[in-house]
Each structure stands twice: as C-alpha cells, then as structure tokens.
C-alpha atoms as a PDB file:
ATOM      1  CA  MET A   1      18.192  21.769 -11.361  1.00  0.00           C
ATOM      2  CA  SER A   2      17.927  19.560 -14.433  1.00  0.00           C
ATOM      3  CA  MET A   3      17.431  15.811 -14.158  1.00  0.00           C
ATOM      4  CA  THR A   4      20.835  15.290 -15.769  1.00  0.00           C
ATOM      5  CA  ARG A   5      22.585  17.372 -13.114  1.00  0.00           C
ATOM      6  CA  ARG A   6      20.692  15.665 -10.323  1.00  0.00           C
ATOM      7  CA  HIS A   7      21.760  12.235 -11.490  1.00  0.00           C
ATOM      8  CA  VAL A   8      25.399  13.319 -11.631  1.00  0.00           C
ATOM      9  CA  LEU A   9      25.544  13.255  -7.859  1.00  0.00           C
ATOM     10  CA  PHE A  10      25.089   9.779  -6.606  1.00  0.00           C
ATOM     11  CA  GLY A  11      24.283   6.232  -6.587  1.00  0.00           C
ATOM     12  CA  LEU A  12      21.335   5.096  -4.973  1.00  0.00           C
ATOM     13  CA  THR A  13      17.919   1.853  -2.353  1.00  0.00           C
ATOM     14  CA  THR A  14      17.262  -0.662   0.007  1.00  0.00           C
ATOM     15  CA  SER A  15      15.157  -3.727   0.109  1.00  0.00           C
ATOM     16  CA  MET A  16      14.506  -7.361   0.721  1.00  0.00           C
ATOM     17  CA  LEU A  17      12.904 -10.321  -0.991  1.00  0.00           C
ATOM     18  CA  ALA A  18      12.093 -13.260   1.251  1.00  0.00           C
ATOM     19  CA  THR A  19      11.419 -16.792   0.070  1.00  0.00           C
ATOM     20  CA  LYS A  20       8.466 -16.971   2.458  1.00  0.00           C
ATOM     21  CA  ALA A  21       6.112 -14.498   4.093  1.00  0.00           C
ATOM     22  CA  PRO A  22       8.333 -12.806   6.705  1.00  0.00           C
ATOM     23  CA  ALA A  23       7.852 -13.743  10.315  1.00  0.00           C
ATOM     24  CA  GLN A  24       8.713 -11.221  13.016  1.00  0.00           C
ATOM     25  CA  GLU A  25      12.375 -12.279  12.910  1.00  0.00           C
ATOM     26  CA  ASP A  26      12.441 -11.631   9.144  1.00  0.00           C
ATOM     27  CA  VAL A  27      11.166  -8.106   9.677  1.00  0.00           C
ATOM     28  CA  GLY A  28      13.745  -7.629  12.422  1.00  0.00           C
ATOM     29  CA  MET A  29      16.544  -8.801  10.157  1.00  0.00           C
ATOM     30  CA  MET A  30      15.446  -6.386   7.452  1.00  0.00           C
ATOM     31  CA  GLY A  31      15.437  -3.602   9.993  1.00  0.00           C
ATOM     32  CA  SER A  32      18.923  -4.427  11.285  1.00  0.00           C
ATOM     33  CA  MET A  33      20.294  -4.627   7.740  1.00  0.00           C
ATOM     34  CA  MET A  34      18.966  -1.123   7.159  1.00  0.00           C
ATOM     35  CA  GLU A  35      20.152   0.342  10.462  1.00  0.00           C
ATOM     36  CA  HIS A  36      23.033   2.207   8.848  1.00  0.00           C
ATOM     37  CA  HIS A  37      20.506   3.849   6.536  1.00  0.00           C
ATOM     38  CA  GLU A  38      18.127   4.677   9.382  1.00  0.00           C
ATOM     39  CA  HIS A  39      20.842   6.719  11.077  1.00  0.00           C
ATOM     40  CA  ASN A  40      22.027   8.395   7.878  1.00  0.00           C
ATOM     41  CA  PRO A  41      20.734  11.998   7.855  1.00  0.00           C
ATOM     42  CA  HIS A  42      20.774  11.943   4.055  1.00  0.00           C
ATOM     43  CA  ILE A  43      18.510   8.905   3.642  1.00  0.00           C
ATOM     44  CA  GLU A  44      14.767   8.543   4.242  1.00  0.00           C
ATOM     45  CA  LEU A  45      13.365   5.008   3.971  1.00  0.00           C
ATOM     46  CA  THR A  46       9.914   3.602   3.547  1.00  0.00           C
ATOM     47  CA  PRO A  47       8.750   1.747   6.682  1.00  0.00           C
ATOM     48  CA  VAL A  48       9.130  -1.984   7.178  1.00  0.00           C
ATOM     49  CA  THR A  49       5.751  -3.688   6.745  1.00  0.00           C
ATOM     50  CA  ARG A  50       4.442  -7.210   7.116  1.00  0.00           C
ATOM     51  CA  ALA A  51       3.844  -9.153   3.924  1.00  0.00           C
ATOM     52  CA  ALA A  52       0.340  -9.209   2.515  1.00  0.00           C
ATOM     53  CA  ALA A  53      -0.887 -12.186   0.549  1.00  0.00           C
ATOM     54  CA  GLY A  54       1.002 -12.394  -2.731  1.00  0.00           C
ATOM     55  CA  ASP A  55       3.748  -9.897  -1.845  1.00  0.00           C
ATOM     56  CA  VAL A  56       6.604 -12.397  -1.941  1.00  0.00           C
ATOM     57  CA  GLN A  57       5.527 -13.878  -5.241  1.00  0.00           C
ATOM     58  CA  ARG A  58       4.905 -10.475  -6.797  1.00  0.00           C
ATOM     59  CA  ALA A  59       8.371  -9.241  -5.820  1.00  0.00           C
ATOM     60  CA  ARG A  60       9.968 -12.459  -7.062  1.00  0.00           C
ATOM     61  CA  VAL A  61       8.215 -12.258 -10.432  1.00  0.00           C
ATOM     62  CA  LEU A  62       9.173  -8.589 -10.792  1.00  0.00           C
ATOM     63  CA  ALA A  63      12.833  -9.415 -10.187  1.00  0.00           C
ATOM     64  CA  GLU A  64      12.744 -12.337 -12.613  1.00  0.00           C
ATOM     65  CA  ARG A  65      11.194 -10.147 -15.303  1.00  0.00           C
ATOM     66  CA  VAL A  66      13.893  -7.529 -14.735  1.00  0.00           C
ATOM     67  CA  ARG A  67      16.612 -10.173 -15.003  1.00  0.00           C
ATOM     68  CA  GLY A  68      15.251 -11.489 -18.280  1.00  0.00           C
ATOM     69  CA  ALA A  69      15.004  -7.991 -19.719  1.00  0.00           C
ATOM     70  CA  ILE A  70      18.428  -6.624 -18.744  1.00  0.00           C
ATOM     71  CA  MET A  71      20.615  -9.660 -19.458  1.00  0.00           C
ATOM     72  CA  ARG A  72      21.184  -8.229 -22.919  1.00  0.00           C
ATOM     73  CA  TYR A  73      23.002  -5.292 -21.301  1.00  0.00           C
ATOM     74  CA  ASP A  74      25.793  -7.438 -19.901  1.00  0.00           C
ATOM     75  CA  ASP A  75      28.002  -5.465 -22.290  1.00  0.00           C
ATOM     76  CA  VAL A  76      27.675  -1.841 -21.214  1.00  0.00           C
ATOM     77  CA  ARG A  77      28.156  -0.759 -24.820  1.00  0.00           C
ATOM     78  CA  THR A  78      24.799  -2.319 -25.650  1.00  0.00           C
ATOM     79  CA  ALA A  79      23.201  -0.241 -22.913  1.00  0.00           C
ATOM     80  CA  GLU A  80      24.815   2.891 -24.277  1.00  0.00           C
ATOM     81  CA  ALA A  81      23.556   2.071 -27.765  1.00  0.00           C
ATOM     82  CA  ASP A  82      20.028   1.882 -26.296  1.00  0.00           C
ATOM     83  CA  GLY A  83      20.238   5.310 -24.709  1.00  0.00           C
ATOM     84  CA  TYR A  84      21.618   4.616 -21.230  1.00  0.00           C
ATOM     85  CA  ARG A  85      24.185   7.178 -20.119  1.00  0.00           C
ATOM     86  CA  ARG A  86      26.587   7.028 -17.194  1.00  0.00           C
ATOM     87  CA  PHE A  87      25.856   9.263 -14.226  1.00  0.00           C
ATOM     88  CA  GLY A  88      27.569   9.617 -10.881  1.00  0.00           C
ATOM     89  CA  PRO A  89      31.116   9.977  -9.600  1.00  0.00           C
ATOM     90  CA  ALA A  90      33.641   7.212 -10.213  1.00  0.00           C
ATOM     91  CA  THR A  91      34.120   6.703  -6.465  1.00  0.00           C
ATOM     92  CA  LEU A  92      30.735   5.010  -6.002  1.00  0.00           C
ATOM     93  CA  PRO A  93      30.669   1.215  -5.519  1.00  0.00           C
ATOM     94  CA  GLU A  94      28.064   1.015  -8.282  1.00  0.00           C
ATOM     95  CA  VAL A  95      27.815   3.018 -11.473  1.00  0.00           C
ATOM     96  CA  HIS A  96      24.377   4.141 -12.618  1.00  0.00           C
ATOM     97  CA  TYR A  97      23.486   4.235 -16.290  1.00  0.00           C
ATOM     98  CA  VAL A  98      20.278   6.213 -16.759  1.00  0.00           C
ATOM     99  CA  ASN A  99      17.939   6.248 -19.738  1.00  0.00           C
ATOM    100  CA  ARG A 100      16.206   9.601 -19.340  1.00  0.00           C
ATOM    101  CA  ARG A 101      13.238   8.662 -21.541  1.00  0.00           C
ATOM    102  CA  LEU A 102      12.550   5.476 -19.588  1.00  0.00           C
ATOM    103  CA  SER A 103      13.190   7.240 -16.285  1.00  0.00           C
ATOM    104  CA  ARG A 104      10.588   9.878 -17.134  1.00  0.00           C
ATOM    105  CA  ALA A 105       8.092   7.117 -17.956  1.00  0.00           C
ATOM    106  CA  GLU A 106       8.459   5.830 -14.383  1.00  0.00           C
ATOM    107  CA  ARG A 107       6.615   8.881 -13.110  1.00  0.00           C
ATOM    108  CA  GLY A 108       3.444   6.943 -13.800  1.00  0.00           C
ATOM    109  CA  ARG A 109       4.460   3.299 -13.352  1.00  0.00           C
ATOM    110  CA  ILE A 110       7.445   0.975 -13.493  1.00  0.00           C
ATOM    111  CA  ASN A 111       8.086  -1.366 -16.391  1.00  0.00           C
ATOM    112  CA  PRO A 112      10.183  -4.398 -15.360  1.00  0.00           C
ATOM    113  CA  GLU A 113      11.131  -4.921 -19.000  1.00  0.00           C
ATOM    114  CA  ALA A 114      12.466  -1.365 -19.345  1.00  0.00           C
ATOM    115  CA  PRO A 115      14.032  -0.016 -16.117  1.00  0.00           C
ATOM    116  CA  GLY A 116      15.026   3.630 -16.124  1.00  0.00           C
ATOM    117  CA  SER A 117      18.475   2.846 -14.728  1.00  0.00           C
ATOM    118  CA  LEU A 118      20.983   0.004 -14.889  1.00  0.00           C
ATOM    119  CA  LEU A 119      23.546  -0.722 -12.179  1.00  0.00           C
ATOM    120  CA  TYR A 120      27.109  -1.783 -12.936  1.00  0.00           C
ATOM    121  CA  ALA A 121      30.005  -2.658 -10.641  1.00  0.00           C
ATOM    122  CA  PRO A 122      33.545  -1.824 -11.792  1.00  0.00           C
ATOM    123  CA  ARG A 123      35.378  -5.140 -12.199  1.00  0.00           C
ATOM    124  CA  ASN A 124      38.907  -5.698 -13.541  1.00  0.00           C
ATOM    125  CA  GLY A 125      38.867  -2.555 -15.625  1.00  0.00           C
ATOM    126  CA  GLY A 126      35.397  -3.251 -17.019  1.00  0.00           C
ATOM    127  CA  MET A 127      31.752  -3.001 -15.967  1.00  0.00           C
ATOM    128  CA  GLU A 128      29.754  -5.929 -14.572  1.00  0.00           C
ATOM    129  CA  LEU A 129      25.963  -5.665 -14.777  1.00  0.00           C
ATOM    130  CA  VAL A 130      24.560  -6.215 -11.280  1.00  0.00           C
ATOM    131  CA  GLY A 131      21.015  -4.863 -11.335  1.00  0.00           C
ATOM    132  CA  ALA A 132      18.574  -2.082 -12.075  1.00  0.00           C
ATOM    133  CA  MET A 133      16.925   0.882 -10.404  1.00  0.00           C
ATOM    134  CA  PHE A 134      13.352   2.183 -10.532  1.00  0.00           C
ATOM    135  CA  THR A 135      12.145   5.617  -9.480  1.00  0.00           C
ATOM    136  CA  ALA A 136       8.926   7.328  -8.452  1.00  0.00           C
ATOM    137  CA  PRO A 137       8.075  11.011  -7.893  1.00  0.00           C
ATOM    138  CA  HIS A 138       8.692  12.479  -4.450  1.00  0.00           C
ATOM    139  CA  GLY A 139       4.955  12.915  -3.867  1.00  0.00           C
ATOM    140  CA  THR A 140       4.126   9.265  -4.500  1.00  0.00           C
ATOM    141  CA  SER A 141       2.154   7.799  -1.584  1.00  0.00           C
ATOM    142  CA  LEU A 142       3.218   4.699   0.324  1.00  0.00           C
ATOM    143  CA  ALA A 143       0.214   2.877  -1.113  1.00  0.00           C
ATOM    144  CA  GLU A 144       1.327   3.748  -4.628  1.00  0.00           C
ATOM    145  CA  LEU A 145       4.921   2.698  -3.911  1.00  0.00           C
ATOM    146  CA  ASN A 146       3.592  -0.576  -2.524  1.00  0.00           C
ATOM    147  CA  ALA A 147       1.596  -1.102  -5.713  1.00  0.00           C
ATOM    148  CA  ARG A 148       4.814  -0.791  -7.708  1.00  0.00           C
ATOM    149  CA  VAL A 149       7.045  -2.941  -5.488  1.00  0.00           C
ATOM    150  CA  PRO A 150       5.735  -4.453  -2.210  1.00  0.00           C
ATOM    151  CA  LEU A 151       6.966  -2.476   0.786  1.00  0.00           C
ATOM    152  CA  SER A 152       7.228  -5.710   2.769  1.00  0.00           C
ATOM    153  CA  GLN A 153       9.883  -6.893   0.339  1.00  0.00           C
ATOM    154  CA  ALA A 154      11.678  -3.693  -0.722  1.00  0.00           C
ATOM    155  CA  ARG A 155      12.485  -0.426   0.998  1.00  0.00           C
ATOM    156  CA  TRP A 156      12.380   2.612  -1.252  1.00  0.00           C
ATOM    157  CA  HIS A 157      14.515   5.615  -0.302  1.00  0.00           C
ATOM    158  CA  LEU A 158      14.801   9.349  -0.754  1.00  0.00           C
ATOM    159  CA  HIS A 159      17.986  11.423  -0.706  1.00  0.00           C
ATOM    160  CA  VAL A 160      17.312  14.208   1.805  1.00  0.00           C
ATOM    161  CA  ASN A 161      19.134  17.072   3.540  1.00  0.00           C
ATOM    162  CA  ILE A 162      21.663  17.452   0.744  1.00  0.00           C
ATOM    163  CA  CYS A 163      23.983  20.456   0.622  1.00  0.00           C
ATOM    164  CA  LEU A 164      25.361  21.242  -2.830  1.00  0.00           C
ATOM    165  CA  PRO A 165      28.197  23.679  -3.462  1.00  0.00           C
ATOM    166  CA  ARG A 166      27.696  26.879  -5.429  1.00  0.00           C
ATOM    167  CA  PRO A 167      28.284  26.544  -8.307  1.00  0.00           C
ATOM    168  CA  MET A 168      27.389  22.866  -8.227  1.00  0.00           C
ATOM    169  CA  PHE A 169      30.297  21.785 -10.423  1.00  0.00           C
ATOM    170  CA  ASN A 170      32.903  23.632  -8.357  1.00  0.00           C
ATOM    171  CA  ARG A 171      35.513  20.872  -8.146  1.00  0.00           C
ATOM    172  CA  SER A 172      37.485  22.480  -5.365  1.00  0.00           C
ATOM    173  CA  ALA A 173      34.327  22.659  -3.235  1.00  0.00           C
ATOM    174  CA  TRP A 174      33.599  18.966  -3.765  1.00  0.00           C
ATOM    175  CA  ARG A 175      37.126  18.188  -2.523  1.00  0.00           C
ATOM    176  CA  GLN A 176      36.676  20.069   0.750  1.00  0.00           C
ATOM    177  CA  ARG A 177      36.789  17.967   3.911  1.00  0.00           C
ATOM    178  CA  GLY A 178      35.638  18.625   7.434  1.00  0.00           C
ATOM    179  CA  ALA A 179      37.565  17.967  10.649  1.00  0.00           C
ATOM    180  CA  ASP A 180      36.317  14.372  10.551  1.00  0.00           C
ATOM    181  CA  GLY A 181      37.811  13.854   7.093  1.00  0.00           C
ATOM    182  CA  ARG A 182      34.425  13.488   5.409  1.00  0.00           C
ATOM    183  CA  PRO A 183      33.387  15.551   2.383  1.00  0.00           C
ATOM    184  CA  LEU A 184      31.410  18.657   3.276  1.00  0.00           C
ATOM    185  CA  PHE A 185      29.008  18.526   0.344  1.00  0.00           C
ATOM    186  CA  GLY A 186      26.797  15.975  -1.345  1.00  0.00           C
ATOM    187  CA  PRO A 187      24.852  12.866  -0.305  1.00  0.00           C
ATOM    188  CA  MET A 188      27.826  11.507   1.659  1.00  0.00           C
ATOM    189  CA  GLY A 189      28.733  14.890   3.124  1.00  0.00           C
ATOM    190  CA  SER A 190      28.905  15.938   6.741  1.00  0.00           C
ATOM    191  CA  ILE A 191      26.606  18.926   6.190  1.00  0.00           C
ATOM    192  CA  ALA A 192      22.987  17.886   6.819  1.00  0.00           C
ATOM    193  CA  THR A 193      21.204  21.068   7.934  1.00  0.00           C
ATOM    194  CA  ARG A 194      20.079  24.203   6.126  1.00  0.00           C
ATOM    195  CA  GLU A 195      21.958  26.423   8.589  1.00  0.00           C
ATOM    196  CA  ALA A 196      25.290  24.626   8.131  1.00  0.00           C
ATOM    197  CA  CYS A 197      24.808  24.530   4.378  1.00  0.00           C
ATOM    198  CA  GLU A 198      24.124  28.238   4.106  1.00  0.00           C
ATOM    199  CA  ALA A 199      27.083  28.978   6.377  1.00  0.00           C
ATOM    200  CA  ALA A 200      29.291  27.025   3.965  1.00  0.00           C
ATOM    201  CA  GLY A 201      27.913  28.963   1.014  1.00  0.00           C
ATOM    202  CA  GLY A 202      26.021  25.987  -0.355  1.00  0.00           C
ATOM    203  CA  GLN A 203      22.527  25.307  -1.653  1.00  0.00           C
ATOM    204  CA  PHE A 204      20.359  23.214   0.682  1.00  0.00           C
ATOM    205  CA  ASN A 205      17.974  20.614  -0.769  1.00  0.00           C
ATOM    206  CA  ALA A 206      15.461  19.119   1.671  1.00  0.00           C
ATOM    207  CA  VAL A 207      14.732  16.428  -0.942  1.00  0.00           C
ATOM    208  CA  LEU A 208      16.844  15.709  -3.997  1.00  0.00           C
ATOM    209  CA  GLN A 209      15.215  13.582  -6.697  1.00  0.00           C
ATOM    210  CA  GLY A 210      12.343  11.213  -5.942  1.00  0.00           C
ATOM    211  CA  TRP A 211      11.881   7.736  -4.502  1.00  0.00           C
ATOM    212  CA  MET A 212      14.265   5.003  -5.676  1.00  0.00           C
ATOM    213  CA  VAL A 213      14.559   1.259  -5.313  1.00  0.00           C
ATOM    214  CA  HIS A 214      17.291  -1.156  -6.469  1.00  0.00           C
ATOM    215  CA  VAL A 215      16.924  -4.752  -7.578  1.00  0.00           C
ATOM    216  CA  TYR A 216      19.783  -7.265  -7.908  1.00  0.00           C
ATOM    217  CA  PRO A 217      18.251 -10.240  -9.771  1.00  0.00           C
ATOM    218  CA  PHE A 218      21.568 -11.982 -10.521  1.00  0.00           C
ATOM    219  CA  ARG A 219      22.325 -12.802  -6.888  1.00  0.00           C
ATOM    220  CA  GLN A 220      22.114 -16.475  -6.047  1.00  0.00           C
ATOM    221  CA  ASN A 221      19.758 -16.152  -3.092  1.00  0.00           C
ATOM    222  CA  PRO A 222      16.319 -14.693  -3.906  1.00  0.00           C
ATOM    223  CA  ARG A 223      16.245 -13.160  -0.420  1.00  0.00           C
ATOM    224  CA  ASP A 224      18.985 -10.804  -1.605  1.00  0.00           C
ATOM    225  CA  TRP A 225      17.330  -9.673  -4.823  1.00  0.00           C
ATOM    226  CA  TRP A 226      15.864  -6.516  -3.250  1.00  0.00           C
ATOM    227  CA  VAL A 227      18.617  -5.826  -0.690  1.00  0.00           C
ATOM    228  CA  GLN A 228      21.010  -2.917  -1.021  1.00  0.00           C
ATOM    229  CA  ARG A 229      24.033  -3.395   1.213  1.00  0.00           C
ATOM    230  CA  HIS A 230      25.713  -0.023   0.894  1.00  0.00           C
ATOM    231  CA  GLY A 231      24.594   3.486   1.491  1.00  0.00           C
END
C-alpha cells in the first residue's frame, strides 16, 4: 500500500510534557489519561517511563521550536503552497496535512523546524492550526524513539490490528456497521482480529504505518503540549 493511501485512513499520538520531573503521581496521571488508548485494540503505545535528567527541558525546547516554525502555517493555504496535502476522512476531530517529502525525511530523524505533518481543527467553516505530528519507522527501537522525543514526556503510538475493506476505497464497505453501531473497518472499526477480518472479506494489517507522536505547542499549559486527548 502506498504512503498516500495509508495516510488517507486516519488521524493520529499521545503524550505529556510536565513542568517538572514527574513524581509517581505524575506518571500515574499520564497513565490514566491514556487508559482509553491502552484498552483500544487498534492502538499500541510506548511505555510510561520516569524522566531522566534533561527530559523535561528537551521536550519543552522541542515544542517551542515546533511552535516557532509552524506559526506561519496558521493559514492552511500557506501550508498547501509548501507541499502539505490533506489526508484523512472529514469525520476526524483533527485534520492531518502531510508533506510527503518531509515525512520521508523523518525515517532518519525529526526536524522540529520542518514537521512531516501539520494538525488542524475544523473551526467555523475554516481550519485552525493546533499542532504537528512526527513519525518514525515501525522498527525504530524505544531508545531511538526516546532520543527523538523523551518517552517520559510523550507517548508514541502505532496503529495495529487494522482491517481494511477490499478494495480499500469501497465506500459501501466503509459505511458498514456492526450490531453495536460501530464501523466494521478501519482504525475505529470493531474488527480487530485476522480471523474476523478475513471472514468479512477484508485485508488484515497487524501494523499500519509507523510510530507517531503529536505535539500541541499552542496550548496555554506546557503540561499539555505533548498530550493527545482523543483516540
């Protein structure tokens, strides 16, 4: 599946920036905020870790650098002029604009001044810039992810156990609902096993895309800069 088609599917991670090195209660709060992700069969999260020396400051500086770099994209048309293209269904609470060239560059490292994806929230008929997203290959180790963004401050995620309809852009298939009213297919779908996916005539993906992490540097409280509240 091409990168373009993969990005069509969803919006995407989870994290936390504290204003001090997290005590045990801080780690517990991060864990409780991510509980809905922990029990989501389509989401795999990096573990919660204690902060090492410099983690909080490093995450803060990263977020501040991102904010300074992306402010110019407050008008989504500027982002489009610089090669960012909209991906993902209109029903998502955030709209992802992906620059494929910059996204490919993130296979090796992240560049806070040039994130591969921008995040917008639909507001009053327009698009409000709310943050950015970075990615890393599926095979990236926890140590490498931590080197990019401290795992004590941000939780990266993978989209896993995804059943896609055949053909993938079969609109009627995407509209199908189970007895619980949920969609059958996709990252929010009720199908989460290979057996159920094959029985529904779909294509099962144990892992779809690589690691992802969101940053929201415009929020007032720095503790919220690396927190994703939806899933």
